């Protein structure tokens, strides 16, 4: 098989290794150049994440009790605690940092449903935790992924949250007899006859974060079902009419994706799970086609202006999108 660099119009690696974005530098060293974590350059880049750039800027705005914005509205888009935790996990922040530990603890206390262990977008002011009727799949996937990424995989509250995904996540594709009962009757947009694509993607993202050796039979089964659902759609198309794109927005590459997604994020999840399926080829071609002559990819979609701290500039070359594209190409090859 050809070297994955043969797909590049130019090599952007030196650009990704610049000191201005220590998160990208660290992940490029580890994921693209296969440098060991004990390597001095890797250790220095890892340490710089907490002192340079977006991570310290976000943490500077954190309340001492671990939340951002209003403690009663952790889900507030996109300045609330939920989204800061997701961004910090994306930026490879240090999970052992006490400020991040407080943030993780706050989210678990505020939004985890004590009945089902999924995550709700609303607090239950009466009994504590998240409101049972507000549990939604994309949020559960995002927060499970963030907590796993930040080192909380052994916490006794996170393991049952993983089980929530295994037990409740659906992969229905315009079925005539959709499931009924909680949680399926609460949010038709999330379930209904056709499962929400974003819920599936975020569930797979969370489960991909579990080391392969630690995945239960249920987790492996859920990954298989979720991956097949996405592959049946060729990642971004309508499974019942593969000539049509499901949502044009999925072709606009961005970072971080929050509850939305795009073809690059989905390819990244599938390749991390070990998939090299020809049904991924169309989406891969889309990603490759968006590479500029200098080997860089552009930030085409963003929530900037709504974040507490903006991440890169829309319409400009993006180190994050470029890094994620290189990860996919390397994994595919």
Protein backbone atom coordinates (compact mmCIF):
# COMPACT_ATOMS: atom_id res chain seq x y z
CA UNK A 1 0.00 0.00 0.00
CA UNK A 2 1.26 3.50 -0.83
CA UNK A 3 2.61 5.70 1.94
CA UNK A 4 -0.20 7.89 3.30
CA UNK A 5 1.90 10.98 2.58
CA UNK A 6 1.39 10.33 -1.12
CA UNK A 7 -2.09 11.83 -0.69
CA UNK A 8 -0.61 15.13 0.47
CA UNK A 9 -0.10 18.02 -1.92
CA UNK A 10 2.57 19.28 0.49
CA UNK A 11 3.71 18.20 3.95
CA UNK A 12 2.18 20.38 6.71
CA UNK A 13 3.93 18.62 9.59
CA UNK A 14 6.45 21.38 10.35
CA UNK A 15 3.56 23.87 10.54
CA UNK A 16 1.70 21.61 13.00
CA UNK A 17 4.82 21.38 15.19
CA UNK A 18 5.04 25.14 15.76
CA UNK A 19 4.92 26.25 19.39
CA UNK A 20 1.82 28.48 19.14
CA UNK A 21 -0.59 25.55 19.55
CA UNK A 22 0.88 23.10 22.07
CA UNK A 23 -2.12 20.76 21.86
CA UNK A 24 -1.63 20.27 18.13
CA UNK A 25 2.14 20.04 18.57
CA UNK A 26 1.77 17.35 21.23
CA UNK A 27 -0.76 15.29 19.25
CA UNK A 28 1.27 15.60 16.05
CA UNK A 29 4.36 14.29 17.82
CA UNK A 30 2.44 11.34 19.27
CA UNK A 31 -0.16 10.48 16.62
CA UNK A 32 1.61 11.43 13.38
CA UNK A 33 5.31 11.06 14.18
CA UNK A 34 4.85 8.17 16.65
CA UNK A 35 7.05 9.78 19.28
CA UNK A 36 7.14 8.16 22.71
CA UNK A 37 5.48 9.89 25.66
CA UNK A 38 8.80 9.78 27.49
CA UNK A 39 10.40 11.87 24.73
CA UNK A 40 11.46 15.30 26.02
CA UNK A 41 9.74 17.18 23.16
CA UNK A 42 6.52 15.31 23.87
CA UNK A 43 6.69 16.01 27.60
CA UNK A 44 7.38 19.70 27.01
CA UNK A 45 4.51 20.05 24.55
CA UNK A 46 2.19 18.21 26.95
CA UNK A 47 3.11 20.54 29.79
CA UNK A 48 2.69 23.64 27.60
CA UNK A 49 -0.95 22.76 26.90
CA UNK A 50 -1.80 23.90 30.43
CA UNK A 51 0.12 27.20 30.20
CA UNK A 52 -0.19 28.43 26.60
CA UNK A 53 -3.22 29.09 24.40
CA UNK A 54 -6.86 28.12 24.74
CA UNK A 55 -6.71 25.76 27.73
CA UNK A 56 -5.43 28.28 30.30
CA UNK A 57 -7.71 30.94 28.80
CA UNK A 58 -10.75 28.71 29.40
CA UNK A 59 -9.61 27.75 32.89
CA UNK A 60 -9.09 31.40 33.82
CA UNK A 61 -12.85 31.91 33.43
CA UNK A 62 -13.81 28.93 35.59
CA UNK A 63 -15.61 29.44 38.90
CA UNK A 64 -13.68 28.02 41.88
CA UNK A 65 -16.40 25.39 42.35
CA UNK A 66 -15.70 23.97 38.91
CA UNK A 67 -18.35 25.45 36.63
CA UNK A 68 -18.56 28.14 33.96
CA UNK A 69 -21.41 30.59 33.49
CA UNK A 70 -24.48 29.86 35.58
CA UNK A 71 -24.30 26.75 37.79
CA UNK A 72 -28.00 26.22 37.12
CA UNK A 73 -27.52 26.07 33.34
CA UNK A 74 -24.52 23.84 32.58
CA UNK A 75 -25.81 23.11 29.06
CA UNK A 76 -26.08 26.78 27.99
CA UNK A 77 -24.76 26.95 24.42
CA UNK A 78 -21.79 27.38 24.12
CA UNK A 79 -20.54 29.12 27.20
CA UNK A 80 -21.79 26.63 29.78
CA UNK A 81 -19.86 23.98 31.65
CA UNK A 82 -20.77 21.14 29.27
CA UNK A 83 -19.07 22.74 26.30
CA UNK A 84 -15.97 23.84 28.19
CA UNK A 85 -15.44 20.25 29.32
CA UNK A 86 -15.83 18.97 25.75
CA UNK A 87 -13.39 21.56 24.42
CA UNK A 88 -10.84 20.87 27.15
CA UNK A 89 -10.99 17.17 26.34
CA UNK A 90 -10.54 17.94 22.62
CA UNK A 91 -7.52 20.10 23.43
CA UNK A 92 -5.86 17.24 25.36
CA UNK A 93 -5.95 19.13 28.65
CA UNK A 94 -4.40 17.38 31.65
CA UNK A 95 -7.15 15.47 33.41
CA UNK A 96 -5.23 15.31 36.69
CA UNK A 97 -5.25 19.11 36.99
CA UNK A 98 -7.37 20.01 40.01
CA UNK A 99 -9.40 22.59 38.06
CA UNK A 100 -10.38 19.99 35.48
CA UNK A 101 -11.14 17.44 38.19
CA UNK A 102 -13.53 19.94 39.75
CA UNK A 103 -15.15 20.50 36.35
CA UNK A 104 -15.65 16.77 35.82
CA UNK A 105 -17.08 16.37 39.31
CA UNK A 106 -19.44 19.28 38.78
CA UNK A 107 -20.80 17.81 35.54
CA UNK A 108 -21.35 14.40 37.13
CA UNK A 109 -23.13 15.94 40.11
CA UNK A 110 -25.19 18.37 38.05
CA UNK A 111 -26.27 16.47 34.94
CA UNK A 112 -26.01 12.70 35.44
CA UNK A 113 -29.48 11.18 35.84
CA UNK A 114 -29.44 9.16 39.06
CA UNK A 115 -32.02 6.72 37.66
CA UNK A 116 -30.51 5.79 34.30
CA UNK A 117 -26.95 7.20 34.55
CA UNK A 118 -27.29 8.98 31.20
CA UNK A 119 -26.70 12.72 30.97
CA UNK A 120 -29.46 15.34 30.90
CA UNK A 121 -29.38 18.85 29.53
CA UNK A 122 -31.31 20.04 32.60
CA UNK A 123 -30.56 19.92 36.33
CA UNK A 124 -33.03 18.28 38.68
CA UNK A 125 -33.39 21.01 41.30
CA UNK A 126 -35.50 18.84 43.57
CA UNK A 127 -33.52 15.61 43.86
CA UNK A 128 -30.13 16.59 42.42
CA UNK A 129 -28.36 15.26 39.35
CA UNK A 130 -29.81 15.56 35.88
CA UNK A 131 -33.52 15.60 35.14
CA UNK A 132 -34.64 12.13 34.00
CA UNK A 133 -36.84 13.55 31.24
CA UNK A 134 -33.92 15.55 29.81
CA UNK A 135 -31.51 12.70 29.07
CA UNK A 136 -30.40 12.81 25.41
CA UNK A 137 -28.03 10.57 23.43
CA UNK A 138 -25.67 13.08 21.83
CA UNK A 139 -25.00 14.76 25.18
CA UNK A 140 -24.47 11.44 26.91
CA UNK A 141 -22.00 10.41 24.21
CA UNK A 142 -20.14 13.72 24.37
CA UNK A 143 -19.83 13.72 28.15
CA UNK A 144 -18.88 10.05 28.42
CA UNK A 145 -16.20 10.67 25.78
CA UNK A 146 -14.94 13.77 27.62
CA UNK A 147 -14.79 12.02 30.98
CA UNK A 148 -12.99 9.02 29.50
CA UNK A 149 -10.59 11.31 27.66
CA UNK A 150 -9.83 13.18 30.88
CA UNK A 151 -9.03 10.00 32.78
CA UNK A 152 -12.29 9.21 34.58
CA UNK A 153 -12.83 5.76 33.07
CA UNK A 154 -12.55 4.00 36.43
CA UNK A 155 -14.95 6.32 38.24
CA UNK A 156 -17.99 4.33 39.47
CA UNK A 157 -20.33 6.90 37.93
CA UNK A 158 -18.79 6.73 34.45
CA UNK A 159 -19.00 2.96 33.96
CA UNK A 160 -22.83 2.93 34.21
CA UNK A 161 -22.93 5.91 31.84
CA UNK A 162 -21.15 3.72 29.28
CA UNK A 163 -23.79 1.08 29.95
CA UNK A 164 -26.51 3.64 29.21
CA UNK A 165 -25.17 3.86 25.66
CA UNK A 166 -25.10 0.08 25.36
CA UNK A 167 -28.62 -0.28 26.70
CA UNK A 168 -30.46 2.59 25.07
CA UNK A 169 -28.62 3.79 21.95
CA UNK A 170 -30.62 2.89 18.82
CA UNK A 171 -29.60 2.56 15.19
CA UNK A 172 -32.98 2.61 13.47
CA UNK A 173 -33.02 3.57 9.80
CA UNK A 174 -36.55 4.67 8.88
CA UNK A 175 -38.20 1.65 10.49
CA UNK A 176 -41.98 1.22 10.52
CA UNK A 177 -42.17 0.26 14.18
CA UNK A 178 -39.84 2.52 16.21
CA UNK A 179 -39.18 1.68 19.86
CA UNK A 180 -41.45 3.04 22.56
CA UNK A 181 -41.08 3.82 26.24
CA UNK A 182 -38.46 5.94 27.98
CA UNK A 183 -36.28 7.53 26.61
CA UNK A 184 -37.67 7.03 23.10
CA UNK A 185 -41.01 8.73 23.72
CA UNK A 186 -39.46 11.91 25.11
CA UNK A 187 -37.43 13.26 22.17
CA UNK A 188 -38.77 12.17 18.79
CA UNK A 189 -36.01 14.11 17.02
CA UNK A 190 -33.41 11.95 18.79
CA UNK A 191 -35.15 8.65 18.09
CA UNK A 192 -38.37 8.31 16.11
CA UNK A 193 -38.37 6.19 12.97
CA UNK A 194 -34.84 7.27 12.10
CA UNK A 195 -32.24 7.61 14.83
CA UNK A 196 -30.49 10.97 15.00
CA UNK A 197 -27.17 10.73 13.17
CA UNK A 198 -25.39 12.90 15.76
CA UNK A 199 -26.47 10.64 18.60
CA UNK A 200 -24.97 7.65 16.82
CA UNK A 201 -21.71 9.46 16.06
CA UNK A 202 -21.21 10.71 19.62
CA UNK A 203 -22.01 7.26 21.03
CA UNK A 204 -19.37 5.70 18.77
CA UNK A 205 -16.91 8.44 19.70
CA UNK A 206 -17.36 7.64 23.39
CA UNK A 207 -17.03 3.88 22.96
CA UNK A 208 -13.95 4.27 20.74
CA UNK A 209 -12.22 5.90 23.72
CA UNK A 210 -12.42 2.64 25.69
CA UNK A 211 -9.26 0.55 25.15
CA UNK A 212 -10.08 -2.50 23.02
CA UNK A 213 -9.03 -4.92 25.76
CA UNK A 214 -11.45 -3.28 28.20
CA UNK A 215 -14.56 -3.35 26.00
CA UNK A 216 -17.39 -5.54 27.24
CA UNK A 217 -19.38 -7.76 24.90
CA UNK A 218 -22.13 -5.14 24.98
CA UNK A 219 -19.74 -2.35 24.04
CA UNK A 220 -18.32 -4.38 21.16
CA UNK A 221 -21.82 -5.21 19.94
CA UNK A 222 -22.89 -1.57 20.12
CA UNK A 223 -19.79 -0.46 18.23
CA UNK A 224 -20.50 -3.01 15.51
CA UNK A 225 -24.14 -1.93 15.16
CA UNK A 226 -23.28 1.77 15.23
CA UNK A 227 -20.48 1.45 12.70
CA UNK A 228 -22.71 -0.51 10.35
CA UNK A 229 -25.39 2.19 10.64
CA UNK A 230 -22.86 4.89 9.66
CA UNK A 231 -21.34 2.78 6.88
CA UNK A 232 -24.77 2.03 5.48
CA UNK A 233 -25.10 5.79 5.02
CA UNK A 234 -21.63 6.03 3.44
CA UNK A 235 -21.05 8.37 6.41
CA UNK A 236 -22.80 11.42 4.94
CA UNK A 237 -25.48 10.18 2.54
CA UNK A 238 -29.06 9.00 2.70
CA UNK A 239 -29.03 5.25 3.04
CA UNK A 240 -32.22 4.94 0.99
CA UNK A 241 -30.82 7.15 -1.78
CA UNK A 242 -27.03 7.14 -1.86
CA UNK A 243 -26.99 9.82 -4.57
CA UNK A 244 -28.08 12.42 -2.00
CA UNK A 245 -26.11 14.03 0.82
CA UNK A 246 -28.01 13.90 4.11
CA UNK A 247 -26.90 17.33 5.33
CA UNK A 248 -24.61 19.65 3.33
CA UNK A 249 -23.18 20.92 6.62
CA UNK A 250 -21.47 17.57 7.15
CA UNK A 251 -19.18 18.44 4.22
CA UNK A 252 -17.94 21.62 5.96
CA UNK A 253 -15.03 20.65 8.15
CA UNK A 254 -14.80 22.24 11.57
CA UNK A 255 -13.40 22.00 15.09
CA UNK A 256 -14.53 21.37 17.75
CA UNK A 257 -17.74 19.78 16.52
CA UNK A 258 -19.69 19.91 19.79
CA UNK A 259 -23.06 18.16 19.21
CA UNK A 260 -22.73 18.55 15.43
CA UNK A 261 -20.49 16.42 13.21
CA UNK A 262 -18.85 16.26 9.79
CA UNK A 263 -17.32 13.63 7.52
CA UNK A 264 -13.85 14.10 8.99
CA UNK A 265 -14.95 13.49 12.58
CA UNK A 266 -16.82 10.34 11.58
CA UNK A 267 -13.86 9.04 9.57
CA UNK A 268 -11.63 9.70 12.56
CA UNK A 269 -13.89 7.65 14.82
CA UNK A 270 -14.20 4.74 12.40
CA UNK A 271 -10.48 4.54 11.67
CA UNK A 272 -9.71 4.66 15.38
CA UNK A 273 -12.03 1.69 15.77
CA UNK A 274 -10.05 -0.12 13.09
CA UNK A 275 -12.49 0.19 10.17
CA UNK A 276 -11.10 0.30 6.62
CA UNK A 277 -14.34 -0.24 4.74
CA UNK A 278 -14.78 0.72 1.09
CA UNK A 279 -18.03 2.42 2.10
CA UNK A 280 -15.83 5.08 3.70
CA UNK A 281 -14.16 5.88 0.39
CA UNK A 282 -16.54 8.62 -0.78
CA UNK A 283 -16.15 10.53 2.48
CA UNK A 284 -12.38 10.05 2.36
CA UNK A 285 -12.33 11.51 -1.15
CA UNK A 286 -14.29 14.52 0.15
CA UNK A 287 -11.68 15.15 2.83
CA UNK A 288 -8.73 14.77 0.45
CA UNK A 289 -10.37 17.12 -2.06
CA UNK A 290 -10.49 19.92 0.52
CA UNK A 291 -6.71 20.01 0.98
CA UNK A 292 -5.02 23.18 -0.22
CA UNK A 293 -1.87 23.26 -2.34
CA UNK A 294 0.24 23.82 0.78
CA UNK A 295 -1.09 20.61 2.35
CA UNK A 296 -3.32 22.41 4.84
CA UNK A 297 -7.07 22.24 5.44
CA UNK A 298 -9.34 25.21 6.15
CA UNK A 299 -11.67 25.75 9.10
CA UNK A 300 -14.95 25.89 7.18
CA UNK A 301 -17.37 25.67 10.09
CA UNK A 302 -17.15 27.04 13.62
CA UNK A 303 -19.10 28.14 16.67
CA UNK A 304 -16.66 31.02 17.22
CA UNK A 305 -18.35 34.05 18.71
CA UNK A 306 -20.39 31.76 20.95
CA UNK A 307 -17.46 30.06 22.68
CA UNK A 308 -15.85 31.57 25.77
CA UNK A 309 -12.56 31.32 23.88
CA UNK A 310 -12.53 31.14 20.08
CA UNK A 311 -10.67 28.25 18.47
CA UNK A 312 -8.84 29.32 15.28
CA UNK A 313 -10.34 31.54 12.57
CA UNK A 314 -13.08 30.56 10.17
CA UNK A 315 -11.96 30.55 6.55
CA UNK A 316 -8.30 30.29 7.51
CA UNK A 317 -5.94 27.29 7.48
CA UNK A 318 -6.72 25.15 10.51
CA UNK A 319 -4.13 23.19 12.42
CA UNK A 320 -6.87 21.16 14.07
CA UNK A 321 -8.63 20.16 10.86
CA UNK A 322 -5.27 19.44 9.23
CA UNK A 323 -4.13 17.29 12.15
CA UNK A 324 -7.39 15.32 12.09
CA UNK A 325 -7.13 14.83 8.35
CA UNK A 326 -3.58 13.49 8.69
CA UNK A 327 -4.73 11.12 11.44
CA UNK A 328 -7.40 9.71 9.13
CA UNK A 329 -5.11 9.34 6.14
CA UNK A 330 -2.42 7.66 8.23
CA UNK A 331 -4.90 5.28 9.84
CA UNK A 332 -6.52 4.44 6.53
CA UNK A 333 -3.15 3.47 5.07
